[in-house]
């Protein structure tokens, strides 16, 4: 004859020790999942757009970092995944800068400094946005990735046209402002 495993009985309802252990395991599982999710959802750089930046500068002036990239540039993608994912870089940029990520080959027209800016072809399948050539051009060429630092009056302070590791960008941020 089988003996019941019940250890707790309350008003005619019995639970076995196994059922209690199962509930505890389930709760621990959800606590673990929530904890893991909070680790995965890390901070990101707060970015803005050229359309919004003038209003932001009027409210709270601060330096501006513009990251010019293209979809085909592997070093641009590497900077997005590594350099701009570094916690120190994220904190420094979010606290002290406005940041714009701008596709140098964007086809979207926009107005900047009371001028209409748009994509301009330079070959059969190539070209760049006028805003990119305005800010990121050096010696008649635009190379990617390009980082351009502007002051709160939108004057260029510094330009770097190459891949930067997080440690290199951090050192640059300490020197520029």
C-alpha atoms as a PDB file:
ATOM      1  CA  UNK A   1       0.000   0.000   0.000  1.00  0.00           C
ATOM      2  CA  UNK A   2       1.288   3.494  -0.991  1.00  0.00           C
ATOM      3  CA  UNK A   3       1.726   6.110   1.660  1.00  0.00           C
ATOM      4  CA  UNK A   4       0.870   9.752   0.806  1.00  0.00           C
ATOM      5  CA  UNK A   5       3.862  12.103   0.653  1.00  0.00           C
ATOM      6  CA  UNK A   6       1.855  14.960   2.071  1.00  0.00           C
ATOM      7  CA  UNK A   7       3.577  16.928   4.794  1.00  0.00           C
ATOM      8  CA  UNK A   8       1.280  19.972   4.855  1.00  0.00           C
ATOM      9  CA  UNK A   9      -2.476  19.855   5.076  1.00  0.00           C
ATOM     10  CA  UNK A  10      -4.576  22.980   5.163  1.00  0.00           C
ATOM     11  CA  UNK A  11      -8.373  22.847   5.241  1.00  0.00           C
ATOM     12  CA  UNK A  12      -8.581  19.687   3.225  1.00  0.00           C
ATOM     13  CA  UNK A  13      -5.912  20.744   0.665  1.00  0.00           C
ATOM     14  CA  UNK A  14      -2.620  18.938   0.824  1.00  0.00           C
ATOM     15  CA  UNK A  15       0.686  19.805  -0.802  1.00  0.00           C
ATOM     16  CA  UNK A  16       3.616  17.530  -0.987  1.00  0.00           C
ATOM     17  CA  UNK A  17       7.136  18.606  -0.244  1.00  0.00           C
ATOM     18  CA  UNK A  18       7.884  18.100  -3.943  1.00  0.00           C
ATOM     19  CA  UNK A  19       5.210  20.611  -4.963  1.00  0.00           C
ATOM     20  CA  UNK A  20       6.661  23.200  -2.598  1.00  0.00           C
ATOM     21  CA  UNK A  21      10.148  22.573  -3.938  1.00  0.00           C
ATOM     22  CA  UNK A  22       8.848  22.881  -7.509  1.00  0.00           C
ATOM     23  CA  UNK A  23       7.292  26.285  -6.723  1.00  0.00           C
ATOM     24  CA  UNK A  24      10.540  27.465  -5.121  1.00  0.00           C
ATOM     25  CA  UNK A  25      12.516  26.332  -8.179  1.00  0.00           C
ATOM     26  CA  UNK A  26      10.102  28.164 -10.472  1.00  0.00           C
ATOM     27  CA  UNK A  27      10.429  31.380  -8.444  1.00  0.00           C
ATOM     28  CA  UNK A  28      14.224  31.097  -8.454  1.00  0.00           C
ATOM     29  CA  UNK A  29      14.125  30.588 -12.220  1.00  0.00           C
ATOM     30  CA  UNK A  30      12.140  33.808 -12.780  1.00  0.00           C
ATOM     31  CA  UNK A  31      14.345  35.769 -10.394  1.00  0.00           C
ATOM     32  CA  UNK A  32      17.381  34.535 -12.304  1.00  0.00           C
ATOM     33  CA  UNK A  33      15.804  35.468 -15.678  1.00  0.00           C
ATOM     34  CA  UNK A  34      14.932  38.984 -14.460  1.00  0.00           C
ATOM     35  CA  UNK A  35      18.455  39.438 -13.105  1.00  0.00           C
ATOM     36  CA  UNK A  36      19.986  38.274 -16.358  1.00  0.00           C
ATOM     37  CA  UNK A  37      17.710  40.583 -18.363  1.00  0.00           C
ATOM     38  CA  UNK A  38      18.816  43.577 -16.288  1.00  0.00           C
ATOM     39  CA  UNK A  39      22.449  42.752 -17.086  1.00  0.00           C
ATOM     40  CA  UNK A  40      21.755  42.368 -20.796  1.00  0.00           C
ATOM     41  CA  UNK A  41      19.882  45.664 -21.120  1.00  0.00           C
ATOM     42  CA  UNK A  42      22.992  47.833 -20.843  1.00  0.00           C
ATOM     43  CA  UNK A  43      23.158  51.571 -21.320  1.00  0.00           C
ATOM     44  CA  UNK A  44      23.377  53.023 -24.785  1.00  0.00           C
ATOM     45  CA  UNK A  45      24.551  56.327 -26.174  1.00  0.00           C
ATOM     46  CA  UNK A  46      21.739  58.845 -26.374  1.00  0.00           C
ATOM     47  CA  UNK A  47      21.783  60.131 -29.928  1.00  0.00           C
ATOM     48  CA  UNK A  48      19.967  62.998 -31.565  1.00  0.00           C
ATOM     49  CA  UNK A  49      19.551  64.294 -35.117  1.00  0.00           C
ATOM     50  CA  UNK A  50      20.546  67.388 -37.041  1.00  0.00           C
ATOM     51  CA  UNK A  51      16.848  68.343 -37.091  1.00  0.00           C
ATOM     52  CA  UNK A  52      16.716  68.388 -33.273  1.00  0.00           C
ATOM     53  CA  UNK A  53      20.159  69.683 -32.328  1.00  0.00           C
ATOM     54  CA  UNK A  54      19.576  73.431 -32.641  1.00  0.00           C
ATOM     55  CA  UNK A  55      16.679  73.319 -30.181  1.00  0.00           C
ATOM     56  CA  UNK A  56      18.709  71.162 -27.765  1.00  0.00           C
ATOM     57  CA  UNK A  57      21.614  73.616 -27.913  1.00  0.00           C
ATOM     58  CA  UNK A  58      19.276  76.514 -27.081  1.00  0.00           C
ATOM     59  CA  UNK A  59      17.980  74.644 -24.023  1.00  0.00           C
ATOM     60  CA  UNK A  60      21.326  73.338 -22.779  1.00  0.00           C
ATOM     61  CA  UNK A  61      24.511  74.155 -24.718  1.00  0.00           C
ATOM     62  CA  UNK A  62      27.171  71.459 -24.788  1.00  0.00           C
ATOM     63  CA  UNK A  63      29.716  70.090 -27.274  1.00  0.00           C
ATOM     64  CA  UNK A  64      28.517  67.978 -30.180  1.00  0.00           C
ATOM     65  CA  UNK A  65      30.136  64.809 -31.525  1.00  0.00           C
ATOM     66  CA  UNK A  66      29.084  63.750 -35.014  1.00  0.00           C
ATOM     67  CA  UNK A  67      29.974  60.224 -36.117  1.00  0.00           C
ATOM     68  CA  UNK A  68      29.908  59.946 -39.920  1.00  0.00           C
ATOM     69  CA  UNK A  69      29.619  56.358 -41.129  1.00  0.00           C
ATOM     70  CA  UNK A  70      28.403  54.261 -44.059  1.00  0.00           C
ATOM     71  CA  UNK A  71      26.712  50.879 -44.230  1.00  0.00           C
ATOM     72  CA  UNK A  72      29.599  49.325 -46.182  1.00  0.00           C
ATOM     73  CA  UNK A  73      32.372  50.546 -43.845  1.00  0.00           C
ATOM     74  CA  UNK A  74      33.591  47.679 -41.651  1.00  0.00           C
ATOM     75  CA  UNK A  75      35.562  50.002 -39.354  1.00  0.00           C
ATOM     76  CA  UNK A  76      32.430  52.113 -38.845  1.00  0.00           C
ATOM     77  CA  UNK A  77      30.518  49.022 -37.764  1.00  0.00           C
ATOM     78  CA  UNK A  78      33.380  47.984 -35.502  1.00  0.00           C
ATOM     79  CA  UNK A  79      33.299  51.383 -33.802  1.00  0.00           C
ATOM     80  CA  UNK A  80      29.550  51.077 -33.288  1.00  0.00           C
ATOM     81  CA  UNK A  81      29.911  47.603 -31.756  1.00  0.00           C
ATOM     82  CA  UNK A  82      33.091  48.102 -29.730  1.00  0.00           C
ATOM     83  CA  UNK A  83      34.073  51.735 -29.190  1.00  0.00           C
ATOM     84  CA  UNK A  84      30.600  53.171 -28.676  1.00  0.00           C
ATOM     85  CA  UNK A  85      29.556  50.192 -26.543  1.00  0.00           C
ATOM     86  CA  UNK A  86      32.263  50.818 -23.943  1.00  0.00           C
ATOM     87  CA  UNK A  87      30.663  51.822 -20.599  1.00  0.00           C
ATOM     88  CA  UNK A  88      33.137  54.688 -19.980  1.00  0.00           C
ATOM     89  CA  UNK A  89      32.524  56.124 -23.449  1.00  0.00           C
ATOM     90  CA  UNK A  90      28.761  55.817 -23.039  1.00  0.00           C
ATOM     91  CA  UNK A  91      28.853  57.583 -19.670  1.00  0.00           C
ATOM     92  CA  UNK A  92      31.165  60.390 -20.864  1.00  0.00           C
ATOM     93  CA  UNK A  93      29.170  61.065 -24.025  1.00  0.00           C
ATOM     94  CA  UNK A  94      25.759  60.880 -22.346  1.00  0.00           C
ATOM     95  CA  UNK A  95      26.788  63.236 -19.543  1.00  0.00           C
ATOM     96  CA  UNK A  96      28.757  65.835 -21.501  1.00  0.00           C
ATOM     97  CA  UNK A  97      27.956  65.726 -25.221  1.00  0.00           C
ATOM     98  CA  UNK A  98      25.214  65.609 -27.777  1.00  0.00           C
ATOM     99  CA  UNK A  99      25.887  62.800 -30.236  1.00  0.00           C
ATOM    100  CA  UNK A 100      24.705  62.369 -33.807  1.00  0.00           C
ATOM    101  CA  UNK A 101      25.295  59.215 -35.854  1.00  0.00           C
ATOM    102  CA  UNK A 102      24.952  60.247 -39.491  1.00  0.00           C
ATOM    103  CA  UNK A 103      25.075  58.018 -42.561  1.00  0.00           C
ATOM    104  CA  UNK A 104      27.411  59.883 -44.913  1.00  0.00           C
ATOM    105  CA  UNK A 105      25.537  58.490 -47.905  1.00  0.00           C
ATOM    106  CA  UNK A 106      22.061  59.332 -46.617  1.00  0.00           C
ATOM    107  CA  UNK A 107      19.586  60.254 -49.341  1.00  0.00           C
ATOM    108  CA  UNK A 108      17.406  62.228 -46.914  1.00  0.00           C
ATOM    109  CA  UNK A 109      17.466  65.975 -47.559  1.00  0.00           C
ATOM    110  CA  UNK A 110      17.665  68.256 -44.534  1.00  0.00           C
ATOM    111  CA  UNK A 111      18.085  71.871 -43.622  1.00  0.00           C
ATOM    112  CA  UNK A 112      21.209  72.963 -41.819  1.00  0.00           C
ATOM    113  CA  UNK A 113      22.259  76.515 -41.046  1.00  0.00           C
ATOM    114  CA  UNK A 114      19.455  77.829 -43.294  1.00  0.00           C
ATOM    115  CA  UNK A 115      20.757  75.784 -46.228  1.00  0.00           C
ATOM    116  CA  UNK A 116      19.123  72.798 -47.900  1.00  0.00           C
ATOM    117  CA  UNK A 117      21.517  69.850 -47.839  1.00  0.00           C
ATOM    118  CA  UNK A 118      21.065  66.657 -49.835  1.00  0.00           C
ATOM    119  CA  UNK A 119      22.849  63.651 -51.332  1.00  0.00           C
ATOM    120  CA  UNK A 120      25.113  64.511 -54.271  1.00  0.00           C
ATOM    121  CA  UNK A 121      26.252  61.877 -56.725  1.00  0.00           C
ATOM    122  CA  UNK A 122      29.950  61.725 -57.509  1.00  0.00           C
ATOM    123  CA  UNK A 123      29.895  58.641 -59.716  1.00  0.00           C
ATOM    124  CA  UNK A 124      27.627  56.042 -61.183  1.00  0.00           C
ATOM    125  CA  UNK A 125      26.769  54.467 -57.806  1.00  0.00           C
ATOM    126  CA  UNK A 126      28.627  56.702 -55.378  1.00  0.00           C
ATOM    127  CA  UNK A 127      28.238  60.030 -53.671  1.00  0.00           C
ATOM    128  CA  UNK A 128      27.794  61.586 -50.269  1.00  0.00           C
ATOM    129  CA  UNK A 129      25.487  63.870 -48.394  1.00  0.00           C
ATOM    130  CA  UNK A 130      26.403  67.560 -48.567  1.00  0.00           C
ATOM    131  CA  UNK A 131      26.422  67.692 -44.773  1.00  0.00           C
ATOM    132  CA  UNK A 132      29.119  65.027 -44.747  1.00  0.00           C
ATOM    133  CA  UNK A 133      31.341  66.958 -47.154  1.00  0.00           C
ATOM    134  CA  UNK A 134      30.639  70.163 -45.206  1.00  0.00           C
ATOM    135  CA  UNK A 135      31.888  68.710 -41.910  1.00  0.00           C
ATOM    136  CA  UNK A 136      33.986  65.599 -42.585  1.00  0.00           C
ATOM    137  CA  UNK A 137      35.923  66.439 -45.737  1.00  0.00           C
ATOM    138  CA  UNK A 138      39.700  66.692 -45.396  1.00  0.00           C
ATOM    139  CA  UNK A 139      42.021  67.508 -48.299  1.00  0.00           C
ATOM    140  CA  UNK A 140      39.122  67.227 -50.734  1.00  0.00           C
ATOM    141  CA  UNK A 141      38.077  63.724 -49.585  1.00  0.00           C
ATOM    142  CA  UNK A 142      35.741  62.132 -47.095  1.00  0.00           C
ATOM    143  CA  UNK A 143      36.942  58.983 -45.398  1.00  0.00           C
ATOM    144  CA  UNK A 144      35.024  56.788 -42.996  1.00  0.00           C
ATOM    145  CA  UNK A 145      34.690  56.584 -40.098  1.00  0.00           C
ATOM    146  CA  UNK A 146      34.904  60.301 -39.334  1.00  0.00           C
ATOM    147  CA  UNK A 147      34.440  61.906 -35.950  1.00  0.00           C
ATOM    148  CA  UNK A 148      33.796  65.640 -35.885  1.00  0.00           C
ATOM    149  CA  UNK A 149      33.669  67.629 -32.655  1.00  0.00           C
ATOM    150  CA  UNK A 150      31.716  70.888 -32.717  1.00  0.00           C
ATOM    151  CA  UNK A 151      31.333  73.484 -29.997  1.00  0.00           C
ATOM    152  CA  UNK A 152      27.943  74.779 -28.892  1.00  0.00           C
ATOM    153  CA  UNK A 153      28.069  77.364 -31.714  1.00  0.00           C
ATOM    154  CA  UNK A 154      28.526  74.544 -34.263  1.00  0.00           C
ATOM    155  CA  UNK A 155      32.133  75.497 -34.999  1.00  0.00           C
ATOM    156  CA  UNK A 156      34.484  72.614 -35.740  1.00  0.00           C
ATOM    157  CA  UNK A 157      36.919  72.028 -32.892  1.00  0.00           C
ATOM    158  CA  UNK A 158      38.517  68.747 -33.967  1.00  0.00           C
ATOM    159  CA  UNK A 159      38.206  66.093 -36.622  1.00  0.00           C
ATOM    160  CA  UNK A 160      39.447  62.492 -36.686  1.00  0.00           C
ATOM    161  CA  UNK A 161      39.075  60.450 -39.867  1.00  0.00           C
ATOM    162  CA  UNK A 162      40.003  56.964 -38.735  1.00  0.00           C
ATOM    163  CA  UNK A 163      38.943  54.063 -36.551  1.00  0.00           C
ATOM    164  CA  UNK A 164      39.413  54.650 -32.828  1.00  0.00           C
ATOM    165  CA  UNK A 165      39.449  52.091 -30.037  1.00  0.00           C
ATOM    166  CA  UNK A 166      37.516  52.962 -26.892  1.00  0.00           C
ATOM    167  CA  UNK A 167      40.749  53.823 -25.033  1.00  0.00           C
ATOM    168  CA  UNK A 168      41.811  56.179 -27.846  1.00  0.00           C
ATOM    169  CA  UNK A 169      38.437  57.919 -27.971  1.00  0.00           C
ATOM    170  CA  UNK A 170      38.433  58.213 -24.169  1.00  0.00           C
ATOM    171  CA  UNK A 171      41.858  59.916 -24.270  1.00  0.00           C
ATOM    172  CA  UNK A 172      40.598  62.220 -27.030  1.00  0.00           C
ATOM    173  CA  UNK A 173      37.511  63.169 -25.026  1.00  0.00           C
ATOM    174  CA  UNK A 174      39.705  64.126 -22.064  1.00  0.00           C
ATOM    175  CA  UNK A 175      41.868  66.423 -24.222  1.00  0.00           C
ATOM    176  CA  UNK A 176      39.216  68.113 -26.353  1.00  0.00           C
ATOM    177  CA  UNK A 177      36.937  69.430 -23.599  1.00  0.00           C
END
